[in-house]
Amino acid sequence: MMRRYTKQRNLVKPAKIRFTTAFLTLHSFYMQKK
């Protein structure tokens, strides 16, 4: 259901380091805010 609203975009953006993943995930959330 979420993917239909986000145009198949996922929320988690994996990176080599978990803290970088944390930031990229928040950025992904913000891009999908609406």
PDB file of all heavy atoms in Angstrom:
ATOM      1  N   MET A   1       0.839  -1.191   0.000  1.00  0.00           N
ATOM      2  CA  MET A   1       0.000   0.000   0.000  1.00  0.00           C
ATOM      3  C   MET A   1       0.886   1.257   0.000  1.00  0.00           C
ATOM      4  O   MET A   1       0.641   2.206  -0.755  1.00  0.00           O
ATOM      5  CB  MET A   1      -0.907   0.005   1.237  1.00  0.00           C
ATOM      6  CG  MET A   1      -1.971   1.117   1.226  1.00  0.00           C
ATOM      7  SD  MET A   1      -2.823   1.286   2.848  1.00  0.00           S
ATOM      8  CE  MET A   1      -3.458  -0.377   3.069  1.00  0.00           C
ATOM      9  N   MET A   2       1.911   1.253   0.853  1.00  0.00           N
ATOM     10  CA  MET A   2       2.813   2.408   0.914  1.00  0.00           C
ATOM     11  C   MET A   2       3.514   2.636  -0.418  1.00  0.00           C
ATOM     12  O   MET A   2       3.636   3.771  -0.886  1.00  0.00           O
ATOM     13  CB  MET A   2       3.860   2.194   2.009  1.00  0.00           C
ATOM     14  CG  MET A   2       4.822   3.370   2.174  1.00  0.00           C
ATOM     15  SD  MET A   2       6.430   2.905   2.871  1.00  0.00           S
ATOM     16  CE  MET A   2       7.210   2.091   1.459  1.00  0.00           C
ATOM     17  N   ARG A   3       3.962   1.552  -1.041  1.00  0.00           N
ATOM     18  CA  ARG A   3       4.701   1.688  -2.302  1.00  0.00           C
ATOM     19  C   ARG A   3       3.831   2.288  -3.410  1.00  0.00           C
ATOM     20  O   ARG A   3       4.355   2.947  -4.303  1.00  0.00           O
ATOM     21  CB  ARG A   3       5.251   0.320  -2.728  1.00  0.00           C
ATOM     22  CG  ARG A   3       6.472  -0.111  -1.915  1.00  0.00           C
ATOM     23  CD  ARG A   3       6.899  -1.520  -2.224  1.00  0.00           C
ATOM     24  NE  ARG A   3       8.132  -1.878  -1.541  1.00  0.00           N
ATOM     25  CZ  ARG A   3       8.558  -3.120  -1.385  1.00  0.00           C
ATOM     26  NH1 ARG A   3       7.833  -4.134  -1.853  1.00  0.00           N
ATOM     27  NH2 ARG A   3       9.689  -3.354  -0.761  1.00  0.00           N
ATOM     28  N   ARG A   4       2.534   2.050  -3.347  1.00  0.00           N
ATOM     29  CA  ARG A   4       1.653   2.670  -4.342  1.00  0.00           C
ATOM     30  C   ARG A   4       1.624   4.184  -4.160  1.00  0.00           C
ATOM     31  O   ARG A   4       1.498   4.936  -5.122  1.00  0.00           O
ATOM     32  CB  ARG A   4       0.246   2.079  -4.236  1.00  0.00           C
ATOM     33  CG  ARG A   4       0.116   0.676  -4.821  1.00  0.00           C
ATOM     34  CD  ARG A   4      -1.337   0.292  -5.051  1.00  0.00           C
ATOM     35  NE  ARG A   4      -2.059   0.116  -3.793  1.00  0.00           N
ATOM     36  CZ  ARG A   4      -2.105  -1.022  -3.113  1.00  0.00           C
ATOM     37  NH1 ARG A   4      -1.460  -2.096  -3.564  1.00  0.00           N
ATOM     38  NH2 ARG A   4      -2.802  -1.090  -1.994  1.00  0.00           N
ATOM     39  N   TYR A   5       1.748   4.624  -2.927  1.00  0.00           N
ATOM     40  CA  TYR A   5       1.755   6.066  -2.647  1.00  0.00           C
ATOM     41  C   TYR A   5       3.125   6.699  -2.906  1.00  0.00           C
ATOM     42  O   TYR A   5       3.217   7.876  -3.249  1.00  0.00           O
ATOM     43  CB  TYR A   5       1.342   6.320  -1.193  1.00  0.00           C
ATOM     44  CG  TYR A   5      -0.150   6.267  -0.970  1.00  0.00           C
ATOM     45  CD1 TYR A   5      -0.805   5.043  -0.780  1.00  0.00           C
ATOM     46  CD2 TYR A   5      -0.919   7.429  -0.958  1.00  0.00           C
ATOM     47  CE1 TYR A   5      -2.171   4.986  -0.581  1.00  0.00           C
ATOM     48  CE2 TYR A   5      -2.288   7.386  -0.758  1.00  0.00           C
ATOM     49  CZ  TYR A   5      -2.909   6.158  -0.581  1.00  0.00           C
ATOM     50  OH  TYR A   5      -4.282   6.109  -0.393  1.00  0.00           O
ATOM     51  N   THR A   6       4.213   5.921  -2.710  1.00  0.00           N
ATOM     52  CA  THR A   6       5.569   6.470  -2.864  1.00  0.00           C
ATOM     53  C   THR A   6       6.177   6.162  -4.233  1.00  0.00           C
ATOM     54  O   THR A   6       7.370   6.353  -4.440  1.00  0.00           O
ATOM     55  CB  THR A   6       6.510   5.909  -1.775  1.00  0.00           C
ATOM     56  OG1 THR A   6       6.621   4.485  -1.928  1.00  0.00           O
ATOM     57  CG2 THR A   6       6.000   6.240  -0.379  1.00  0.00           C
ATOM     58  N   LYS A   7       5.343   5.683  -5.153  1.00  0.00           N
ATOM     59  CA  LYS A   7       5.805   5.332  -6.500  1.00  0.00           C
ATOM     60  C   LYS A   7       6.924   4.299  -6.448  1.00  0.00           C
ATOM     61  O   LYS A   7       7.974   4.435  -7.086  1.00  0.00           O
ATOM     62  CB  LYS A   7       6.254   6.588  -7.262  1.00  0.00           C
ATOM     63  CG  LYS A   7       5.114   7.584  -7.467  1.00  0.00           C
ATOM     64  CD  LYS A   7       5.571   8.819  -8.211  1.00  0.00           C
ATOM     65  CE  LYS A   7       4.413   9.797  -8.381  1.00  0.00           C
ATOM     66  NZ  LYS A   7       4.822  11.035  -9.076  1.00  0.00           N
ATOM     67  N   GLN A   8       6.703   3.267  -5.637  1.00  0.00           N
ATOM     68  CA  GLN A   8       7.594   2.111  -5.474  1.00  0.00           C
ATOM     69  C   GLN A   8       8.917   2.450  -4.785  1.00  0.00           C
ATOM     70  O   GLN A   8       9.861   1.659  -4.823  1.00  0.00           O
ATOM     71  CB  GLN A   8       7.858   1.430  -6.835  1.00  0.00           C
ATOM     72  CG  GLN A   8       6.611   0.985  -7.575  1.00  0.00           C
ATOM     73  CD  GLN A   8       5.754   0.033  -6.748  1.00  0.00           C
ATOM     74  OE1 GLN A   8       6.263  -0.919  -6.143  1.00  0.00           O
ATOM     75  NE2 GLN A   8       4.440   0.305  -6.702  1.00  0.00           N
ATOM     76  N   ARG A   9       9.008   3.618  -4.177  1.00  0.00           N
ATOM     77  CA  ARG A   9      10.236   3.993  -3.461  1.00  0.00           C
ATOM     78  C   ARG A   9      10.209   3.411  -2.053  1.00  0.00           C
ATOM     79  O   ARG A   9       9.190   3.475  -1.364  1.00  0.00           O
ATOM     80  CB  ARG A   9      10.362   5.513  -3.370  1.00  0.00           C
ATOM     81  CG  ARG A   9      10.395   6.214  -4.727  1.00  0.00           C
ATOM     82  CD  ARG A   9      11.762   6.059  -5.374  1.00  0.00           C
ATOM     83  NE  ARG A   9      11.799   6.699  -6.678  1.00  0.00           N
ATOM     84  CZ  ARG A   9      12.052   7.980  -6.889  1.00  0.00           C
ATOM     85  NH1 ARG A   9      12.259   8.778  -5.853  1.00  0.00           N
ATOM     86  NH2 ARG A   9      12.107   8.463  -8.108  1.00  0.00           N
ATOM     87  N   ASN A  10      11.359   2.885  -1.605  1.00  0.00           N
ATOM     88  CA  ASN A  10      11.492   2.400  -0.239  1.00  0.00           C
ATOM     89  C   ASN A  10      11.952   3.534   0.675  1.00  0.00           C
ATOM     90  O   ASN A  10      12.441   4.569   0.205  1.00  0.00           O
ATOM     91  CB  ASN A  10      12.477   1.233  -0.174  1.00  0.00           C
ATOM     92  CG  ASN A  10      11.925  -0.016  -0.832  1.00  0.00           C
ATOM     93  OD1 ASN A  10      10.738  -0.324  -0.692  1.00  0.00           O
ATOM     94  ND2 ASN A  10      12.773  -0.733  -1.563  1.00  0.00           N
ATOM     95  N   LEU A  11      11.847   3.329   1.984  1.00  0.00           N
ATOM     96  CA  LEU A  11      12.179   4.381   2.938  1.00  0.00           C
ATOM     97  C   LEU A  11      13.621   4.308   3.433  1.00  0.00           C
ATOM     98  O   LEU A  11      14.208   5.320   3.795  1.00  0.00           O
ATOM     99  CB  LEU A  11      11.223   4.320   4.145  1.00  0.00           C
ATOM    100  CG  LEU A  11       9.758   4.612   3.833  1.00  0.00           C
ATOM    101  CD1 LEU A  11       8.903   4.447   5.085  1.00  0.00           C
ATOM    102  CD2 LEU A  11       9.592   6.016   3.264  1.00  0.00           C
ATOM    103  N   VAL A  12      14.184   3.105   3.467  1.00  0.00           N
ATOM    104  CA  VAL A  12      15.552   2.954   3.976  1.00  0.00           C
ATOM    105  C   VAL A  12      16.546   3.072   2.834  1.00  0.00           C
ATOM    106  O   VAL A  12      16.379   2.458   1.781  1.00  0.00           O
ATOM    107  CB  VAL A  12      15.727   1.606   4.699  1.00  0.00           C
ATOM    108  CG1 VAL A  12      17.199   1.340   5.004  1.00  0.00           C
ATOM    109  CG2 VAL A  12      14.934   1.601   5.992  1.00  0.00           C
ATOM    110  N   LYS A  13      17.598   3.880   3.059  1.00  0.00           N
ATOM    111  CA  LYS A  13      18.674   4.036   2.099  1.00  0.00           C
ATOM    112  C   LYS A  13      19.934   3.428   2.704  1.00  0.00           C
ATOM    113  O   LYS A  13      20.602   4.046   3.530  1.00  0.00           O
ATOM    114  CB  LYS A  13      18.912   5.520   1.789  1.00  0.00           C
ATOM    115  CG  LYS A  13      17.745   6.210   1.100  1.00  0.00           C
ATOM    116  CD  LYS A  13      17.639   5.783  -0.337  1.00  0.00           C
ATOM    117  CE  LYS A  13      16.553   6.571  -1.066  1.00  0.00           C
ATOM    118  NZ  LYS A  13      16.427   6.168  -2.468  1.00  0.00           N
ATOM    119  N   PRO A  14      20.286   2.191   2.332  1.00  0.00           N
ATOM    120  CA  PRO A  14      21.431   1.541   2.967  1.00  0.00           C
ATOM    121  C   PRO A  14      22.751   2.216   2.608  1.00  0.00           C
ATOM    122  O   PRO A  14      22.929   2.744   1.522  1.00  0.00           O
ATOM    123  CB  PRO A  14      21.385   0.111   2.412  1.00  0.00           C
ATOM    124  CG  PRO A  14      20.630   0.233   1.127  1.00  0.00           C
ATOM    125  CD  PRO A  14      19.648   1.340   1.325  1.00  0.00           C
ATOM    126  N   ALA A  15      23.672   2.225   3.573  1.00  0.00           N
ATOM    127  CA  ALA A  15      25.021   2.751   3.367  1.00  0.00           C
ATOM    128  C   ALA A  15      25.982   1.834   4.098  1.00  0.00           C
ATOM    129  O   ALA A  15      25.581   0.924   4.834  1.00  0.00           O
ATOM    130  CB  ALA A  15      25.123   4.188   3.885  1.00  0.00           C
ATOM    131  N   LYS A  16      27.287   2.074   3.898  1.00  0.00           N
ATOM    132  CA  LYS A  16      28.287   1.209   4.509  1.00  0.00           C
ATOM    133  C   LYS A  16      28.265   1.303   6.033  1.00  0.00           C
ATOM    134  O   LYS A  16      28.547   0.350   6.733  1.00  0.00           O
ATOM    135  CB  LYS A  16      29.689   1.572   4.006  1.00  0.00           C
ATOM    136  CG  LYS A  16      29.930   1.235   2.547  1.00  0.00           C
ATOM    137  CD  LYS A  16      31.375   1.420   2.177  1.00  0.00           C
ATOM    138  CE  LYS A  16      31.814   2.862   2.274  1.00  0.00           C
ATOM    139  NZ  LYS A  16      33.222   3.053   1.830  1.00  0.00           N
ATOM    140  N   ILE A  17      27.960   2.487   6.557  1.00  0.00           N
ATOM    141  CA  ILE A  17      27.997   2.716   7.995  1.00  0.00           C
ATOM    142  C   ILE A  17      26.587   3.013   8.494  1.00  0.00           C
ATOM    143  O   ILE A  17      25.841   3.755   7.860  1.00  0.00           O
ATOM    144  CB  ILE A  17      28.924   3.900   8.338  1.00  0.00           C
ATOM    145  CG1 ILE A  17      30.295   3.713   7.692  1.00  0.00           C
ATOM    146  CG2 ILE A  17      29.052   4.068   9.837  1.00  0.00           C
ATOM    147  CD1 ILE A  17      31.093   2.537   8.206  1.00  0.00           C
ATOM    148  N   ARG A  18      26.221   2.447   9.648  1.00  0.00           N
ATOM    149  CA  ARG A  18      24.835   2.557  10.110  1.00  0.00           C
ATOM    150  C   ARG A  18      24.426   3.998  10.395  1.00  0.00           C
ATOM    151  O   ARG A  18      23.268   4.364  10.212  1.00  0.00           O
ATOM    152  CB  ARG A  18      24.602   1.681  11.330  1.00  0.00           C
ATOM    153  CG  ARG A  18      25.341   2.070  12.584  1.00  0.00           C
ATOM    154  CD  ARG A  18      25.182   0.994  13.647  1.00  0.00           C
ATOM    155  NE  ARG A  18      25.887   1.304  14.879  1.00  0.00           N
ATOM    156  CZ  ARG A  18      25.310   1.814  15.957  1.00  0.00           C
ATOM    157  NH1 ARG A  18      24.021   2.096  15.915  1.00  0.00           N
ATOM    158  NH2 ARG A  18      25.996   2.042  17.048  1.00  0.00           N
ATOM    159  N   PHE A  19      25.367   4.845  10.850  1.00  0.00           N
ATOM    160  CA  PHE A  19      24.993   6.220  11.141  1.00  0.00           C
ATOM    161  C   PHE A  19      24.697   6.982   9.849  1.00  0.00           C
ATOM    162  O   PHE A  19      23.821   7.842   9.817  1.00  0.00           O
ATOM    163  CB  PHE A  19      26.095   6.917  11.936  1.00  0.00           C
ATOM    164  CG  PHE A  19      26.385   6.248  13.249  1.00  0.00           C
ATOM    165  CD1 PHE A  19      27.663   5.840  13.579  1.00  0.00           C
ATOM    166  CD2 PHE A  19      25.360   6.015  14.156  1.00  0.00           C
ATOM    167  CE1 PHE A  19      27.922   5.228  14.784  1.00  0.00           C
ATOM    168  CE2 PHE A  19      25.609   5.395  15.363  1.00  0.00           C
ATOM    169  CZ  PHE A  19      26.892   4.997  15.679  1.00  0.00           C
ATOM    170  N   THR A  20      25.422   6.657   8.784  1.00  0.00           N
ATOM    171  CA  THR A  20      25.118   7.256   7.495  1.00  0.00           C
ATOM    172  C   THR A  20      23.763   6.774   7.004  1.00  0.00           C
ATOM    173  O   THR A  20      22.972   7.545   6.452  1.00  0.00           O
ATOM    174  CB  THR A  20      26.202   6.901   6.462  1.00  0.00           C
ATOM    175  OG1 THR A  20      27.482   7.173   7.017  1.00  0.00           O
ATOM    176  CG2 THR A  20      26.023   7.701   5.190  1.00  0.00           C
ATOM    177  N   THR A  21      23.492   5.490   7.228  1.00  0.00           N
ATOM    178  CA  THR A  21      22.176   4.938   6.889  1.00  0.00           C
ATOM    179  C   THR A  21      21.069   5.686   7.625  1.00  0.00           C
ATOM    180  O   THR A  21      20.011   5.975   7.058  1.00  0.00           O
ATOM    181  CB  THR A  21      22.113   3.437   7.234  1.00  0.00           C
ATOM    182  OG1 THR A  21      23.094   2.736   6.473  1.00  0.00           O
ATOM    183  CG2 THR A  21      20.737   2.856   6.943  1.00  0.00           C
ATOM    184  N   ALA A  22      21.324   6.017   8.897  1.00  0.00           N
ATOM    185  CA  ALA A  22      20.331   6.743   9.690  1.00  0.00           C
ATOM    186  C   ALA A  22      19.989   8.079   9.048  1.00  0.00           C
ATOM    187  O   ALA A  22      18.812   8.434   8.903  1.00  0.00           O
ATOM    188  CB  ALA A  22      20.856   6.969  11.110  1.00  0.00           C
ATOM    189  N   PHE A  23      21.016   8.823   8.650  1.00  0.00           N
ATOM    190  CA  PHE A  23      20.759  10.120   8.027  1.00  0.00           C
ATOM    191  C   PHE A  23      20.039   9.953   6.696  1.00  0.00           C
ATOM    192  O   PHE A  23      19.054  10.654   6.415  1.00  0.00           O
ATOM    193  CB  PHE A  23      22.066  10.878   7.807  1.00  0.00           C
ATOM    194  CG  PHE A  23      21.884  12.102   6.952  1.00  0.00           C
ATOM    195  CD1 PHE A  23      21.393  13.278   7.498  1.00  0.00           C
ATOM    196  CD2 PHE A  23      22.155  12.063   5.589  1.00  0.00           C
ATOM    197  CE1 PHE A  23      21.183  14.394   6.701  1.00  0.00           C
ATOM    198  CE2 PHE A  23      21.952  13.172   4.791  1.00  0.00           C
ATOM    199  CZ  PHE A  23      21.467  14.341   5.351  1.00  0.00           C
ATOM    200  N   LEU A  24      20.519   9.053   5.843  1.00  0.00           N
ATOM    201  CA  LEU A  24      19.918   8.870   4.526  1.00  0.00           C
ATOM    202  C   LEU A  24      18.465   8.403   4.629  1.00  0.00           C
ATOM    203  O   LEU A  24      17.625   8.753   3.803  1.00  0.00           O
ATOM    204  CB  LEU A  24      20.742   7.881   3.706  1.00  0.00           C
ATOM    205  CG  LEU A  24      22.163   8.340   3.343  1.00  0.00           C
ATOM    206  CD1 LEU A  24      22.915   7.226   2.615  1.00  0.00           C
ATOM    207  CD2 LEU A  24      22.125   9.596   2.484  1.00  0.00           C
ATOM    208  N   THR A  25      18.189   7.614   5.676  1.00  0.00           N
ATOM    209  CA  THR A  25      16.817   7.161   5.888  1.00  0.00           C
ATOM    210  C   THR A  25      15.916   8.336   6.251  1.00  0.00           C
ATOM    211  O   THR A  25      14.792   8.467   5.736  1.00  0.00           O
ATOM    212  CB  THR A  25      16.775   6.090   6.990  1.00  0.00           C
ATOM    213  OG1 THR A  25      17.518   4.943   6.551  1.00  0.00           O
ATOM    214  CG2 THR A  25      15.341   5.675   7.299  1.00  0.00           C
ATOM    215  N   LEU A  26      16.393   9.222   7.127  1.00  0.00           N
ATOM    216  CA  LEU A  26      15.610  10.408   7.472  1.00  0.00           C
ATOM    217  C   LEU A  26      15.379  11.285   6.247  1.00  0.00           C
ATOM    218  O   LEU A  26      14.297  11.849   6.062  1.00  0.00           O
ATOM    219  CB  LEU A  26      16.311  11.209   8.570  1.00  0.00           C
ATOM    220  CG  LEU A  26      16.234  10.628   9.982  1.00  0.00           C
ATOM    221  CD1 LEU A  26      17.055  11.464  10.943  1.00  0.00           C
ATOM    222  CD2 LEU A  26      14.788  10.549  10.458  1.00  0.00           C
ATOM    223  N   HIS A  27      16.393  11.376   5.403  1.00  0.00           N
ATOM    224  CA  HIS A  27      16.246  12.160   4.170  1.00  0.00           C
ATOM    225  C   HIS A  27      15.190  11.532   3.267  1.00  0.00           C
ATOM    226  O   HIS A  27      14.362  12.238   2.665  1.00  0.00           O
ATOM    227  CB  HIS A  27      17.584  12.252   3.442  1.00  0.00           C
ATOM    228  CG  HIS A  27      17.540  13.105   2.210  1.00  0.00           C
ATOM    229  ND1 HIS A  27      17.396  12.574   0.937  1.00  0.00           N
ATOM    230  CD2 HIS A  27      17.596  14.446   2.047  1.00  0.00           C
ATOM    231  CE1 HIS A  27      17.376  13.556   0.056  1.00  0.00           C
ATOM    232  NE2 HIS A  27      17.489  14.700   0.702  1.00  0.00           N
ATOM    233  N   SER A  28      15.209  10.208   3.178  1.00  0.00           N
ATOM    234  CA  SER A  28      14.220   9.506   2.369  1.00  0.00           C
ATOM    235  C   SER A  28      12.811   9.724   2.921  1.00  0.00           C
ATOM    236  O   SER A  28      11.857   9.938   2.171  1.00  0.00           O
ATOM    237  CB  SER A  28      14.545   8.010   2.332  1.00  0.00           C
ATOM    238  OG  SER A  28      13.582   7.301   1.587  1.00  0.00           O
ATOM    239  N   PHE A  29      12.675   9.689   4.250  1.00  0.00           N
ATOM    240  CA  PHE A  29      11.385   9.972   4.883  1.00  0.00           C
ATOM    241  C   PHE A  29      10.902  11.367   4.490  1.00  0.00           C
ATOM    242  O   PHE A  29       9.737  11.551   4.130  1.00  0.00           O
ATOM    243  CB  PHE A  29      11.509   9.889   6.412  1.00  0.00           C
ATOM    244  CG  PHE A  29      11.122   8.563   6.993  1.00  0.00           C
ATOM    245  CD1 PHE A  29      11.922   7.454   6.812  1.00  0.00           C
ATOM    246  CD2 PHE A  29       9.956   8.418   7.721  1.00  0.00           C
ATOM    247  CE1 PHE A  29      11.578   6.226   7.345  1.00  0.00           C
ATOM    248  CE2 PHE A  29       9.594   7.204   8.262  1.00  0.00           C
ATOM    249  CZ  PHE A  29      10.408   6.100   8.076  1.00  0.00           C
ATOM    250  N   TYR A  30      11.812  12.332   4.579  1.00  0.00           N
ATOM    251  CA  TYR A  30      11.411  13.712   4.306  1.00  0.00           C
ATOM    252  C   TYR A  30      10.986  13.883   2.846  1.00  0.00           C
ATOM    253  O   TYR A  30      10.029  14.608   2.553  1.00  0.00           O
ATOM    254  CB  TYR A  30      12.554  14.670   4.625  1.00  0.00           C
ATOM    255  CG  TYR A  30      12.149  16.120   4.498  1.00  0.00           C
ATOM    256  CD1 TYR A  30      11.281  16.706   5.415  1.00  0.00           C
ATOM    257  CD2 TYR A  30      12.625  16.902   3.440  1.00  0.00           C
ATOM    258  CE1 TYR A  30      10.887  18.033   5.287  1.00  0.00           C
ATOM    259  CE2 TYR A  30      12.232  18.230   3.307  1.00  0.00           C
ATOM    260  CZ  TYR A  30      11.364  18.787   4.228  1.00  0.00           C
ATOM    261  OH  TYR A  30      10.983  20.092   4.100  1.00  0.00           O
ATOM    262  N   MET A  31      11.694  13.199   1.925  1.00  0.00           N
ATOM    263  CA  MET A  31      11.341  13.289   0.514  1.00  0.00           C
ATOM    264  C   MET A  31       9.956  12.683   0.250  1.00  0.00           C
ATOM    265  O   MET A  31       9.282  13.053  -0.706  1.00  0.00           O
ATOM    266  CB  MET A  31      12.392  12.588  -0.343  1.00  0.00           C
ATOM    267  CG  MET A  31      13.777  13.223  -0.286  1.00  0.00           C
ATOM    268  SD  MET A  31      13.793  14.963  -0.809  1.00  0.00           S
ATOM    269  CE  MET A  31      13.444  14.789  -2.563  1.00  0.00           C
ATOM    270  N   GLN A  32       9.538  11.753   1.117  1.00  0.00           N
ATOM    271  CA  GLN A  32       8.230  11.107   0.950  1.00  0.00           C
ATOM    272  C   GLN A  32       7.182  11.663   1.922  1.00  0.00           C
ATOM    273  O   GLN A  32       6.116  11.069   2.091  1.00  0.00           O
ATOM    274  CB  GLN A  32       8.373   9.593   1.166  1.00  0.00           C
ATOM    275  CG  GLN A  32       9.240   8.889   0.144  1.00  0.00           C
ATOM    276  CD  GLN A  32       8.656   8.954  -1.256  1.00  0.00           C
ATOM    277  OE1 GLN A  32       7.448   9.128  -1.427  1.00  0.00           O
ATOM    278  NE2 GLN A  32       9.488   8.807  -2.263  1.00  0.00           N
ATOM    279  N   LYS A  33       7.487  12.799   2.547  1.00  0.00           N
ATOM    280  CA  LYS A  33       6.592  13.365   3.565  1.00  0.00           C
ATOM    281  C   LYS A  33       5.148  13.485   3.062  1.00  0.00           C
ATOM    282  O   LYS A  33       4.205  13.001   3.708  1.00  0.00           O
ATOM    283  CB  LYS A  33       7.102  14.751   3.997  1.00  0.00           C
ATOM    284  CG  LYS A  33       6.159  15.482   4.935  1.00  0.00           C
ATOM    285  CD  LYS A  33       6.680  16.882   5.259  1.00  0.00           C
ATOM    286  CE  LYS A  33       5.672  17.667   6.093  1.00  0.00           C
ATOM    287  NZ  LYS A  33       6.150  19.031   6.400  1.00  0.00           N
ATOM    288  N   LYS A  34       4.961  14.120   1.930  1.00  0.00           N
ATOM    289  CA  LYS A  34       3.610  14.345   1.408  1.00  0.00           C
ATOM    290  C   LYS A  34       2.903  13.024   1.146  1.00  0.00           C
ATOM    291  O   LYS A  34       1.726  12.841   1.501  1.00  0.00           O
ATOM    292  CB  LYS A  34       3.682  15.179   0.133  1.00  0.00           C
ATOM    293  CG  LYS A  34       2.324  15.497  -0.473  1.00  0.00           C
ATOM    294  CD  LYS A  34       2.459  16.363  -1.722  1.00  0.00           C
ATOM    295  CE  LYS A  34       1.102  16.656  -2.340  1.00  0.00           C
ATOM    296  NZ  LYS A  34       1.247  17.496  -3.573  1.00  0.00           N
TER     297      LYS A  34
END
